N, C-alpha and C. Protein backbone atom coordinates (compact mmCIF):
# COMPACT_ATOMS: atom_id res chain seq x y z
N UNK A 1 -34.10 -13.28 -30.42
CA UNK A 1 -34.72 -11.74 -30.05
C UNK A 1 -33.94 -11.45 -28.46
N UNK A 2 -33.18 -10.57 -28.65
CA UNK A 2 -32.31 -10.62 -27.30
C UNK A 2 -34.17 -9.73 -26.49
N UNK A 3 -34.25 -10.44 -25.45
CA UNK A 3 -35.00 -9.48 -24.31
C UNK A 3 -34.45 -8.67 -23.42
N UNK A 4 -34.83 -7.90 -22.75
CA UNK A 4 -34.92 -6.87 -21.71
C UNK A 4 -33.79 -6.96 -20.98
N UNK A 5 -34.12 -8.57 -20.24
CA UNK A 5 -33.36 -8.94 -18.43
C UNK A 5 -31.87 -9.33 -19.04
N UNK A 6 -32.01 -9.67 -20.54
CA UNK A 6 -30.54 -10.86 -20.46
C UNK A 6 -29.19 -9.99 -20.75
N UNK A 7 -28.12 -10.40 -20.12
CA UNK A 7 -27.27 -9.85 -20.15
C UNK A 7 -25.60 -10.89 -20.89
N UNK A 8 -25.04 -10.52 -21.22
CA UNK A 8 -23.67 -11.17 -21.78
C UNK A 8 -23.05 -11.72 -20.16
N UNK A 9 -22.44 -13.24 -20.67
CA UNK A 9 -22.42 -13.26 -19.01
C UNK A 9 -20.88 -12.64 -18.74
N UNK A 10 -20.08 -11.87 -19.18
CA UNK A 10 -19.60 -11.07 -18.65
C UNK A 10 -19.78 -10.20 -17.86
N UNK A 11 -20.46 -9.81 -18.40
CA UNK A 11 -21.09 -8.51 -18.00
C UNK A 11 -21.57 -9.50 -16.07
N UNK A 12 -22.70 -10.21 -16.33
CA UNK A 12 -22.74 -10.87 -15.44
C UNK A 12 -21.89 -10.96 -13.83
N UNK A 13 -20.92 -11.36 -14.62
CA UNK A 13 -19.61 -12.59 -14.02
C UNK A 13 -19.26 -10.84 -13.03
N UNK A 14 -18.79 -10.08 -13.77
CA UNK A 14 -17.91 -8.26 -13.30
C UNK A 14 -19.18 -7.96 -12.31
N UNK A 15 -20.41 -8.35 -12.90
CA UNK A 15 -21.06 -7.78 -11.77
C UNK A 15 -21.31 -8.56 -10.68
N UNK A 16 -20.82 -9.62 -10.55
CA UNK A 16 -21.01 -10.42 -8.94
C UNK A 16 -19.74 -10.40 -7.98
N UNK A 17 -18.94 -9.80 -9.23
CA UNK A 17 -17.96 -9.90 -8.20
C UNK A 17 -18.11 -8.79 -7.76
N UNK A 18 -18.29 -7.75 -8.12
CA UNK A 18 -18.55 -6.62 -7.55
C UNK A 18 -19.44 -6.00 -6.57
N UNK A 19 -20.07 -7.36 -6.05
CA UNK A 19 -21.00 -7.03 -4.60
C UNK A 19 -19.87 -7.31 -3.89
N UNK A 20 -20.19 -6.47 -2.51
CA UNK A 20 -19.18 -6.28 -1.50
C UNK A 20 -18.82 -7.60 -0.75
N UNK A 21 -19.73 -8.21 -0.80
CA UNK A 21 -19.77 -9.67 0.64
C UNK A 21 -18.99 -10.64 -0.91
N UNK A 22 -19.18 -10.51 -1.79
CA UNK A 22 -18.12 -11.49 -2.20
C UNK A 22 -16.45 -10.77 -2.92
N UNK A 23 -16.86 -9.36 -3.27
CA UNK A 23 -15.33 -9.23 -3.52
C UNK A 23 -14.33 -9.37 -2.43
N UNK A 24 -14.64 -8.94 -1.00
CA UNK A 24 -13.64 -9.00 -0.11
C UNK A 24 -13.09 -10.70 -0.11
N UNK A 25 -14.13 -11.01 0.22
CA UNK A 25 -13.52 -13.19 0.37
C UNK A 25 -12.53 -13.39 -1.09
N UNK A 26 -13.06 -12.73 -2.50
CA UNK A 26 -11.80 -13.19 -3.77
C UNK A 26 -10.72 -12.49 -3.91
N UNK A 27 -10.76 -10.96 -2.55
CA UNK A 27 -9.90 -10.91 -2.49
C UNK A 27 -8.86 -11.21 -1.62
N UNK A 28 -9.41 -11.84 -0.98
CA UNK A 28 -8.59 -12.48 0.19
C UNK A 28 -7.89 -13.39 0.05
N UNK A 29 -8.25 -14.25 -1.12
CA UNK A 29 -8.66 -15.75 -1.55
C UNK A 29 -7.37 -15.32 -2.58
N UNK A 30 -7.06 -14.18 -3.43
CA UNK A 30 -6.15 -13.66 -4.19
C UNK A 30 -5.17 -14.19 -2.93
N UNK A 31 -4.81 -12.61 -2.24
CA UNK A 31 -4.15 -12.39 -1.40
C UNK A 31 -3.00 -13.67 -0.68
N UNK A 32 -4.24 -14.57 -0.55
CA UNK A 32 -3.38 -15.48 0.10
C UNK A 32 -2.65 -15.97 -0.85
N UNK A 33 -3.15 -16.51 -2.41
CA UNK A 33 -2.04 -17.41 -3.12
C UNK A 33 -1.43 -16.56 -3.89
N UNK A 34 -0.94 -15.44 -3.27
CA UNK A 34 0.09 -14.60 -4.36
C UNK A 34 0.96 -14.20 -2.79
N UNK A 35 0.39 -14.54 -1.72
CA UNK A 35 1.82 -14.13 -0.31
C UNK A 35 2.96 -14.17 -0.62
N UNK A 36 3.32 -15.37 -1.08
CA UNK A 36 4.68 -16.04 -1.12
C UNK A 36 5.15 -15.48 -2.02
N UNK A 37 4.82 -15.19 -3.25
CA UNK A 37 5.58 -14.82 -4.88
C UNK A 37 5.46 -12.62 -4.01
N UNK A 38 4.87 -12.58 -3.38
CA UNK A 38 4.78 -11.38 -3.19
C UNK A 38 6.17 -10.55 -2.09
N UNK A 39 5.56 -11.51 -0.81
CA UNK A 39 6.40 -11.25 0.24
C UNK A 39 8.02 -11.87 0.64
N UNK A 40 8.01 -12.90 -0.51
CA UNK A 40 9.05 -13.95 0.11
C UNK A 40 8.56 -14.73 0.42
N UNK A 41 9.89 -15.71 0.50
CA UNK A 41 9.16 -17.87 1.75
C UNK A 41 10.11 -17.20 2.85
N UNK A 42 10.29 -15.73 3.50
CA UNK A 42 10.58 -16.54 4.43
C UNK A 42 9.74 -15.32 5.32
N UNK A 43 8.76 -14.77 4.78
CA UNK A 43 8.31 -13.55 5.65
C UNK A 43 6.58 -14.50 5.34
N UNK A 44 6.42 -15.75 4.23
CA UNK A 44 5.26 -16.79 4.31
C UNK A 44 5.17 -17.79 5.32
N UNK A 45 6.62 -17.66 5.88
CA UNK A 45 7.12 -19.19 6.76
C UNK A 45 6.39 -18.95 7.94
N UNK A 46 6.37 -17.63 8.31
CA UNK A 46 6.07 -17.32 9.54
C UNK A 46 4.90 -16.64 9.65
N UNK A 47 3.72 -16.02 8.38
CA UNK A 47 2.58 -15.79 8.39
C UNK A 47 1.88 -17.10 8.31
N UNK A 48 1.21 -16.92 10.08
CA UNK A 48 0.69 -18.01 10.10
C UNK A 48 -1.41 -17.76 9.55
N UNK A 49 -1.82 -16.61 9.85
CA UNK A 49 -3.15 -16.57 8.98
C UNK A 49 -3.12 -14.87 8.35
N UNK A 50 -4.00 -14.75 7.47
CA UNK A 50 -4.01 -13.50 6.71
C UNK A 50 -5.67 -13.54 6.36
N UNK A 51 -6.29 -12.23 7.06
CA UNK A 51 -7.73 -12.36 6.84
C UNK A 51 -7.91 -10.59 6.39
N UNK A 52 -9.18 -10.22 5.83
CA UNK A 52 -9.44 -9.59 4.82
C UNK A 52 -10.83 -8.92 5.01
N UNK A 53 -10.55 -7.75 5.82
CA UNK A 53 -11.81 -7.61 6.30
C UNK A 53 -12.92 -5.68 6.67
N UNK A 54 -14.02 -5.53 5.63
CA UNK A 54 -13.70 -4.16 5.58
C UNK A 54 -12.74 -3.01 5.36
N UNK A 55 -11.71 -3.42 4.12
CA UNK A 55 -10.98 -2.75 3.63
C UNK A 55 -9.38 -2.89 4.66
N UNK A 56 -9.72 -3.91 5.61
CA UNK A 56 -8.67 -3.92 6.67
C UNK A 56 -7.75 -5.45 6.49
N UNK A 57 -6.73 -5.49 6.53
CA UNK A 57 -5.83 -6.62 6.19
C UNK A 57 -5.54 -6.80 7.32
N UNK A 58 -5.37 -8.30 7.49
CA UNK A 58 -5.19 -8.64 9.41
C UNK A 58 -4.00 -9.66 9.14
N UNK A 59 -2.89 -9.61 9.02
CA UNK A 59 -1.84 -10.50 9.75
C UNK A 59 -1.56 -11.35 10.86
N UNK A 60 -1.20 -12.76 10.93
CA UNK A 60 -0.76 -12.61 11.89
C UNK A 60 0.27 -13.49 12.09
N UNK A 61 2.01 -12.85 12.25
CA UNK A 61 2.65 -12.89 12.00
C UNK A 61 3.64 -14.20 13.61
N UNK A 62 3.92 -15.18 13.65
CA UNK A 62 4.39 -15.89 14.61
C UNK A 62 5.49 -15.61 14.97
N UNK A 63 6.87 -14.53 14.25
CA UNK A 63 7.98 -14.09 15.01
C UNK A 63 7.61 -13.09 15.24
N UNK A 64 8.22 -12.80 16.53
CA UNK A 64 7.92 -11.48 17.36
C UNK A 64 8.95 -10.61 16.46
N UNK A 65 10.43 -10.82 16.25
CA UNK A 65 10.89 -10.00 15.52
C UNK A 65 10.60 -9.38 13.96
N UNK A 66 9.95 -10.38 13.34
CA UNK A 66 9.48 -10.25 11.92
C UNK A 66 8.55 -9.26 11.89
N UNK A 67 8.06 -9.78 12.77
CA UNK A 67 6.42 -9.55 13.54
C UNK A 67 6.25 -7.20 13.64
N UNK A 68 7.71 -7.02 14.02
CA UNK A 68 8.23 -5.36 14.29
C UNK A 68 8.80 -4.66 13.38
N UNK A 69 9.90 -5.83 12.39
CA UNK A 69 9.93 -5.72 11.18
C UNK A 69 8.99 -5.12 10.56
N UNK A 70 7.81 -5.96 10.39
CA UNK A 70 6.71 -5.50 9.50
C UNK A 70 5.81 -4.36 9.79
N UNK A 71 6.05 -3.96 10.80
CA UNK A 71 4.87 -3.19 11.36
C UNK A 71 5.11 -1.40 10.92
N UNK A 72 6.73 -1.49 10.00
CA UNK A 72 7.27 -0.11 9.96
C UNK A 72 6.99 -0.55 8.74
N UNK A 73 6.72 -1.84 8.08
CA UNK A 73 6.49 -1.63 6.58
C UNK A 73 4.90 -1.90 6.40
N UNK A 74 4.04 -1.31 6.87
CA UNK A 74 2.71 -1.01 6.75
C UNK A 74 1.76 -0.63 5.49
N UNK A 75 2.94 0.84 5.05
CA UNK A 75 2.41 1.09 3.80
C UNK A 75 2.80 0.60 2.65
N UNK A 76 4.36 -0.01 2.83
CA UNK A 76 4.24 -0.75 1.67
C UNK A 76 3.80 -1.68 0.99
N UNK A 77 3.79 -2.48 2.55
CA UNK A 77 2.65 -4.07 2.15
C UNK A 77 0.99 -3.44 1.55
N UNK A 78 0.59 -2.49 1.86
CA UNK A 78 -0.62 -1.90 1.43
C UNK A 78 -0.36 -1.64 -0.22
N UNK A 79 0.88 -0.60 -0.68
CA UNK A 79 0.63 -1.13 -1.82
C UNK A 79 1.05 -1.50 -2.50
N UNK A 80 1.59 -2.71 -1.96
CA UNK A 80 2.11 -4.13 -3.09
C UNK A 80 1.06 -4.95 -2.94
N UNK A 81 -0.15 -5.07 -1.89
CA UNK A 81 -0.86 -5.37 -2.66
C UNK A 81 -2.08 -5.33 -2.58
N UNK A 82 -1.80 -4.06 -3.08
CA UNK A 82 -3.32 -2.86 -3.89
C UNK A 82 -2.97 -3.18 -5.07
N UNK A 83 -1.59 -3.07 -5.54
CA UNK A 83 -1.37 -2.87 -6.77
C UNK A 83 -1.56 -4.48 -7.56
N UNK A 84 -1.27 -6.06 -6.70
CA UNK A 84 -1.95 -6.82 -6.97
C UNK A 84 -3.48 -7.20 -7.19
N UNK A 85 -3.84 -6.28 -6.45
CA UNK A 85 -5.72 -6.53 -6.99
C UNK A 85 -5.58 -5.44 -7.52
N UNK A 86 -5.11 -4.62 -8.10
CA UNK A 86 -5.47 -3.81 -9.24
C UNK A 86 -6.30 -2.24 -8.68
N UNK A 87 -6.88 -2.34 -7.02
CA UNK A 87 -7.36 -1.27 -6.92
C UNK A 87 -6.79 -1.08 -5.92
N UNK A 88 -7.63 0.35 -4.99
CA UNK A 88 -6.86 0.61 -3.81
C UNK A 88 -8.37 -0.09 -2.51
N UNK A 89 -7.47 -1.31 -2.75
CA UNK A 89 -9.18 -1.71 -1.47
C UNK A 89 -8.76 -2.02 0.17
N UNK A 90 -6.97 -2.40 0.66
CA UNK A 90 -7.01 -2.47 1.40
C UNK A 90 -6.18 -0.58 1.79
N UNK A 91 -7.04 -0.37 3.06
CA UNK A 91 -7.07 1.00 3.66
C UNK A 91 -6.05 0.52 4.68
N UNK A 92 -6.20 -0.42 5.32
CA UNK A 92 -5.33 -0.34 6.65
C UNK A 92 -4.66 -1.83 6.92
N UNK A 93 -3.25 -2.11 7.58
CA UNK A 93 -3.02 -2.96 7.55
C UNK A 93 -2.75 -3.37 9.09
N UNK A 94 -2.98 -4.88 9.65
CA UNK A 94 -2.96 -4.96 11.14
C UNK A 94 -1.92 -5.90 11.36
N UNK A 95 -0.98 -5.75 12.23
CA UNK A 95 -0.04 -7.14 12.37
C UNK A 95 -0.27 -7.44 13.87
N UNK A 96 -0.54 -9.02 13.77
CA UNK A 96 -1.01 -9.35 15.52
C UNK A 96 0.44 -10.38 14.87
């Protein structure tokens, strides 16, 4: 017979992934792994680092002209990445 504190593995994993400190790390990893596919090879080549902290995505771009171009497309980047994550998690994009 099932005890009161027993849960299915799927339910436990879902609860674990919704923990704020783990969710951010999971989403950051997911963005890093899909960045090249979503943004293209040329943008991925000039992307030095990707970090996600407190619903803000920080991108470090090596090319000044590309950095300027991407700054005009922040909303589109946010939209593409939130779609990939499956929820509206990223609120702001900072390009350095």
